[in-house]
Amino acid sequence: MNKFAVFGNPIAHSLSPTIHQRFAEQYSLPISYEKIGPDENDFENALSTFFDDADAVGCNVTAPFKGRALQQADTLNKAAELAGAVNTLYKKDRRLQGFNTDGIGLVADISNQGVELADKKVLLIGAGGAARGAVHPLLEAGVKTLAITNRTMERATQICEEVSVSHCIALDKPGLMSFDADIIINSTSASLHNQLPDLQHISFVKCELAYDMAYSKEPTLFMTYAEKEGATMSADGLGMLVEQAAAAFTIWTEKLPQTRPVIDKLRKR
């Protein structure tokens, strides 16, 4: 039986085993998928022990180990390189391939909302690991402009310099006031603490979709604020979670799972 796992700390809350078991059921694949929560100083050892098992195929990695997972990978995809973080590892020919599927999940779930990314003006709020993971897939989706804003502008500027394309720009507060985004994405952790990021200079009047990477049973503060300020619609990141898992599942099994039934099932939890 092929073995999979998710590494993180804390990890008890993880929905990954449920999601991947549902994917496997669609193809009648017998798999095992466990949660592994090593101590902060024991991640590398726990990862090595897992992959020493001949049946171990791949794993997901979540906070706080994504950066350290990057160091354990023998090869990286472009999104992982730019993000400086790996959320998916795949053992092939005794080498670990590292991927970041978070941005792929984001792009797929924006499409799920019926919103096109091609030729759109996108504003990404935040310049941490979540934002970095999203940049390459958003650019690949053909956005017209990808603007990044952050409390510390140097971090937003650094991402744009690393990407080095003219339509990826860092925007400070004065710049935000004249930028009418079609899609606004909150990549900060503010919603996890029931707070708002700094939205003072951001206009939602022409916003088709306000997307919060965080998810919860109720609409997040960001979603509520965005719609009150004129956004046509809003969405949280539950679909992104399932879609990034689907991308990992495809890497491991070469099979394309149906995500909609899994998202709907999780919504009802």
Protein backbone atom coordinates (compact mmCIF):
# COMPACT_ATOMS: atom_id res chain seq x y z
CA MET A 1 0.00 0.00 0.00
CA ASN A 2 1.35 3.44 -0.96
CA LYS A 3 2.01 5.63 2.05
CA PHE A 4 1.55 9.39 2.33
CA ALA A 5 1.65 11.88 5.20
CA VAL A 6 1.42 15.52 6.18
CA PHE A 7 4.11 17.08 8.38
CA GLY A 8 3.40 20.08 10.57
CA ASN A 9 3.27 21.37 14.12
CA PRO A 10 0.52 21.72 15.25
CA ILE A 11 -1.05 19.12 12.97
CA ALA A 12 -4.13 17.74 14.78
CA HIS A 13 -6.46 20.14 12.90
CA SER A 14 -5.22 19.13 9.42
CA LEU A 15 -7.87 18.19 6.85
CA SER A 16 -5.26 16.68 4.51
CA PRO A 17 -5.88 13.00 5.44
CA THR A 18 -9.62 13.42 4.82
CA ILE A 19 -9.06 15.18 1.49
CA HIS A 20 -6.58 12.65 0.14
CA GLN A 21 -8.61 9.66 1.27
CA ARG A 22 -11.57 11.11 -0.67
CA PHE A 23 -9.39 11.54 -3.76
CA ALA A 24 -8.11 7.96 -3.44
CA GLU A 25 -11.68 6.63 -3.11
CA GLN A 26 -12.55 8.20 -6.48
CA TYR A 27 -10.03 5.85 -8.10
CA SER A 28 -10.42 2.92 -5.66
CA LEU A 29 -6.78 3.37 -4.65
CA PRO A 30 -5.78 1.82 -1.33
CA ILE A 31 -3.56 4.35 0.43
CA SER A 32 -2.55 5.28 3.96
CA TYR A 33 -2.19 8.95 4.88
CA GLU A 34 -1.08 9.96 8.36
CA LYS A 35 -0.45 13.13 10.33
CA ILE A 36 3.12 13.53 11.60
CA GLY A 37 3.85 16.31 14.10
CA PRO A 38 7.55 16.26 14.95
CA ASP A 39 9.13 18.60 17.47
CA GLU A 40 10.64 21.76 15.95
CA ASN A 41 14.16 20.27 16.08
CA ASP A 42 13.20 16.81 14.79
CA PHE A 43 11.63 17.53 11.38
CA GLU A 44 14.52 16.37 9.21
CA ASN A 45 14.91 13.13 11.15
CA ALA A 46 11.16 12.42 11.02
CA LEU A 47 11.07 13.13 7.28
CA SER A 48 14.02 10.83 6.64
CA THR A 49 12.42 8.06 8.69
CA PHE A 50 9.19 8.38 6.72
CA PHE A 51 10.89 8.16 3.33
CA ASP A 52 13.09 5.26 4.44
CA ASP A 53 9.93 3.14 4.21
CA ALA A 54 9.87 1.48 0.78
CA ASP A 55 6.11 2.14 0.53
CA ALA A 56 6.44 5.90 1.17
CA VAL A 57 5.63 7.84 -2.00
CA GLY A 58 5.13 11.45 -0.96
CA CYS A 59 4.12 13.92 1.72
CA ASN A 60 2.64 17.33 2.26
CA VAL A 61 4.37 19.87 4.48
CA THR A 62 2.72 22.71 6.36
CA ALA A 63 3.80 25.30 8.93
CA PRO A 64 6.39 25.67 10.30
CA PHE A 65 8.41 23.27 8.12
CA LYS A 66 7.90 24.46 4.51
CA GLY A 67 11.21 26.33 4.38
CA ARG A 68 13.12 23.40 5.83
CA ALA A 69 11.43 20.98 3.42
CA LEU A 70 12.96 23.04 0.61
CA GLN A 71 16.42 22.20 1.98
CA GLN A 72 15.64 18.48 1.86
CA ALA A 73 14.54 18.45 -1.79
CA ASP A 74 16.93 17.40 -4.56
CA THR A 75 14.96 19.28 -7.24
CA LEU A 76 12.45 22.16 -7.10
CA ASN A 77 9.69 23.49 -9.32
CA LYS A 78 9.64 27.22 -10.17
CA ALA A 79 6.93 28.07 -7.64
CA ALA A 80 8.93 26.41 -4.84
CA GLU A 81 12.09 28.28 -5.87
CA LEU A 82 10.34 31.66 -5.79
CA ALA A 83 8.41 30.90 -2.61
CA GLY A 84 11.49 29.58 -0.81
CA ALA A 85 9.11 26.92 0.49
CA VAL A 86 7.99 23.38 -0.35
CA ASN A 87 4.56 21.99 0.56
CA THR A 88 4.78 18.75 -1.46
CA LEU A 89 7.58 16.17 -1.65
CA TYR A 90 7.64 13.21 -4.03
CA LYS A 91 10.15 10.36 -3.86
CA LYS A 92 11.18 9.26 -7.34
CA ASP A 93 14.27 7.19 -8.17
CA ARG A 94 15.41 7.67 -4.55
CA ARG A 95 15.47 11.45 -5.00
CA LEU A 96 13.08 13.94 -3.40
CA GLN A 97 11.32 16.30 -5.80
CA GLY A 98 10.05 19.48 -4.14
CA PHE A 99 6.97 21.41 -5.24
CA ASN A 100 4.89 24.32 -4.05
CA THR A 101 1.28 23.69 -5.10
CA ASP A 102 -0.34 26.48 -3.04
CA GLY A 103 -0.45 28.94 -5.94
CA ILE A 104 -1.74 26.27 -8.32
CA GLY A 105 -4.54 25.67 -5.81
CA LEU A 106 -5.31 29.39 -5.62
CA VAL A 107 -5.51 29.79 -9.39
CA ALA A 108 -7.72 26.70 -9.72
CA ASP A 109 -10.12 27.89 -7.03
CA ILE A 110 -10.39 31.39 -8.51
CA SER A 111 -11.46 29.62 -11.70
CA ASN A 112 -13.96 27.61 -9.60
CA GLN A 113 -15.60 30.94 -8.66
CA GLY A 114 -16.27 31.59 -12.36
CA VAL A 115 -13.65 34.35 -12.51
CA GLU A 116 -11.07 34.62 -15.31
CA LEU A 117 -7.52 35.62 -14.38
CA ALA A 118 -6.26 36.27 -17.92
CA ASP A 119 -5.78 40.00 -18.64
CA LYS A 120 -6.99 41.00 -15.16
CA LYS A 121 -5.47 43.45 -12.71
CA VAL A 122 -4.70 41.51 -9.52
CA LEU A 123 -3.73 42.95 -6.14
CA LEU A 124 -1.96 40.63 -3.72
CA ILE A 125 -1.98 41.82 -0.11
CA GLY A 126 1.01 40.49 1.83
CA ALA A 127 4.52 39.45 0.83
CA GLY A 128 5.16 36.41 3.02
CA GLY A 129 5.43 32.76 2.08
CA ALA A 130 1.77 32.48 1.02
CA ALA A 131 2.14 35.40 -1.38
CA ARG A 132 5.43 34.09 -2.76
CA GLY A 133 3.85 30.73 -3.50
CA ALA A 134 1.07 32.44 -5.45
CA VAL A 135 3.12 34.79 -7.64
CA HIS A 136 4.43 32.39 -10.28
CA PRO A 137 1.10 30.59 -10.90
CA LEU A 138 -0.75 33.95 -11.10
CA LEU A 139 1.72 35.22 -13.71
CA GLU A 140 1.45 31.90 -15.59
CA ALA A 141 -2.34 32.40 -15.67
CA GLY A 142 -1.80 35.49 -17.81
CA VAL A 143 -2.76 38.35 -15.51
CA LYS A 144 -2.39 41.81 -17.01
CA THR A 145 -0.86 43.29 -13.87
CA LEU A 146 0.13 41.66 -10.59
CA ALA A 147 0.51 44.31 -7.90
CA ILE A 148 1.89 43.38 -4.49
CA THR A 149 1.47 45.51 -1.39
CA ASN A 150 2.78 44.85 2.08
CA ARG A 151 3.21 46.58 5.42
CA THR A 152 6.98 46.32 4.83
CA MET A 153 7.29 47.50 1.23
CA GLU A 154 10.85 46.20 0.86
CA ARG A 155 9.51 42.62 0.89
CA ALA A 156 7.00 43.35 -1.87
CA THR A 157 9.69 45.07 -3.93
CA GLN A 158 12.05 42.15 -3.43
CA ILE A 159 9.53 39.65 -4.83
CA CYS A 160 9.01 41.81 -7.94
CA GLU A 161 12.77 42.13 -8.43
CA GLU A 162 13.17 38.36 -8.19
CA VAL A 163 10.37 37.75 -10.71
CA SER A 164 11.80 40.44 -12.99
CA VAL A 165 8.82 41.00 -15.30
CA SER A 166 7.43 44.45 -16.03
CA HIS A 167 3.82 43.60 -15.12
CA CYS A 168 4.69 42.53 -11.55
CA ILE A 169 4.82 45.72 -9.48
CA ALA A 170 5.09 46.70 -5.82
CA LEU A 171 2.57 49.32 -4.72
CA ASP A 172 2.88 51.63 -1.71
CA LYS A 173 -0.09 53.49 -0.23
CA PRO A 174 -0.13 56.38 -2.75
CA GLY A 175 0.14 53.86 -5.60
CA LEU A 176 -2.78 51.83 -4.23
CA MET A 177 -5.12 54.81 -4.39
CA SER A 178 -5.04 54.84 -8.20
CA PHE A 179 -5.02 51.05 -8.74
CA ASP A 180 -8.45 49.60 -9.54
CA ALA A 181 -8.01 45.86 -9.07
CA ASP A 182 -10.31 43.29 -10.67
CA ILE A 183 -9.25 40.64 -8.14
CA ILE A 184 -7.95 41.32 -4.62
CA ILE A 185 -6.28 38.50 -2.69
CA ASN A 186 -5.54 38.57 1.02
CA SER A 187 -2.48 36.38 1.64
CA THR A 188 -1.82 37.71 5.15
CA SER A 189 -2.60 35.75 8.31
CA ALA A 190 -4.86 38.54 9.65
CA SER A 191 -8.07 36.53 9.21
CA LEU A 192 -6.67 33.70 11.34
CA HIS A 193 -6.66 36.18 14.23
CA ASN A 194 -10.05 37.67 13.30
CA GLN A 195 -8.37 40.88 12.16
CA LEU A 196 -8.14 42.89 8.95
CA PRO A 197 -4.95 43.69 7.06
CA ASP A 198 -4.37 47.39 6.32
CA LEU A 199 -7.00 48.13 3.65
CA GLN A 200 -7.18 51.89 4.13
CA HIS A 201 -5.99 52.85 0.62
CA ILE A 202 -7.49 49.92 -1.30
CA SER A 203 -10.62 50.35 -3.44
CA PHE A 204 -13.01 47.42 -3.88
CA VAL A 205 -15.41 49.29 -6.15
CA LYS A 206 -14.29 47.52 -9.37
CA CYS A 207 -13.37 44.26 -7.65
CA GLU A 208 -14.98 41.16 -9.19
CA LEU A 209 -13.62 38.85 -6.51
CA ALA A 210 -12.14 39.43 -3.06
CA TYR A 211 -10.32 36.21 -2.14
CA ASP A 212 -9.11 35.35 1.36
CA MET A 213 -6.55 32.53 1.55
CA ALA A 214 -7.75 31.79 5.10
CA TYR A 215 -10.95 29.81 5.59
CA SER A 216 -13.56 29.37 8.31
CA LYS A 217 -17.17 28.29 8.75
CA GLU A 218 -18.36 31.89 8.57
CA PRO A 219 -17.24 34.58 6.08
CA THR A 220 -13.97 36.13 7.26
CA LEU A 221 -13.72 39.79 8.27
CA PHE A 222 -11.89 40.47 4.99
CA MET A 223 -14.72 38.95 2.94
CA THR A 224 -17.38 40.89 4.83
CA TYR A 225 -15.45 44.17 4.54
CA ALA A 226 -14.75 43.68 0.83
CA GLU A 227 -18.40 43.11 -0.08
CA LYS A 228 -19.50 46.05 2.06
CA GLU A 229 -16.97 48.22 0.19
CA GLY A 230 -18.25 47.18 -3.24
CA ALA A 231 -16.71 43.84 -4.21
CA THR A 232 -19.05 41.82 -6.42
CA MET A 233 -18.27 38.57 -4.62
CA SER A 234 -15.90 37.04 -2.08
CA ALA A 235 -14.49 33.61 -1.31
CA ASP A 236 -12.38 31.99 1.37
CA GLY A 237 -9.47 29.58 0.95
CA LEU A 238 -11.13 26.22 1.59
CA GLY A 239 -11.29 25.53 -2.14
CA MET A 240 -7.63 26.52 -2.44
CA LEU A 241 -6.76 23.98 0.27
CA VAL A 242 -8.52 21.20 -1.66
CA GLU A 243 -7.12 22.30 -5.03
CA GLN A 244 -3.51 22.43 -3.80
CA ALA A 245 -4.04 18.94 -2.38
CA ALA A 246 -5.39 17.81 -5.76
CA ALA A 247 -2.25 19.12 -7.46
CA ALA A 248 -0.11 17.13 -5.00
CA PHE A 249 -2.25 14.02 -5.56
CA THR A 250 -1.71 14.34 -9.32
CA ILE A 251 2.06 14.67 -8.85
CA TRP A 252 2.10 11.46 -6.80
CA THR A 253 -0.40 9.35 -8.76
CA GLU A 254 -0.74 10.99 -12.22
CA LYS A 255 -4.52 11.00 -11.60
CA LEU A 256 -6.80 14.05 -11.67
CA PRO A 257 -9.25 13.95 -8.76
CA GLN A 258 -12.62 15.69 -8.77
CA THR A 259 -12.41 18.53 -6.27
CA ARG A 260 -15.99 19.85 -6.18
CA PRO A 261 -17.49 16.88 -4.24
CA VAL A 262 -14.68 17.14 -1.68
CA ILE A 263 -15.07 20.91 -1.23
CA ASP A 264 -18.86 20.51 -0.84
CA LYS A 265 -18.37 17.74 1.73
CA LEU A 266 -15.95 19.83 3.80
CA ARG A 267 -18.30 22.83 3.70
CA LYS A 268 -20.92 20.73 5.48
CA ARG A 269 -18.62 19.67 8.33
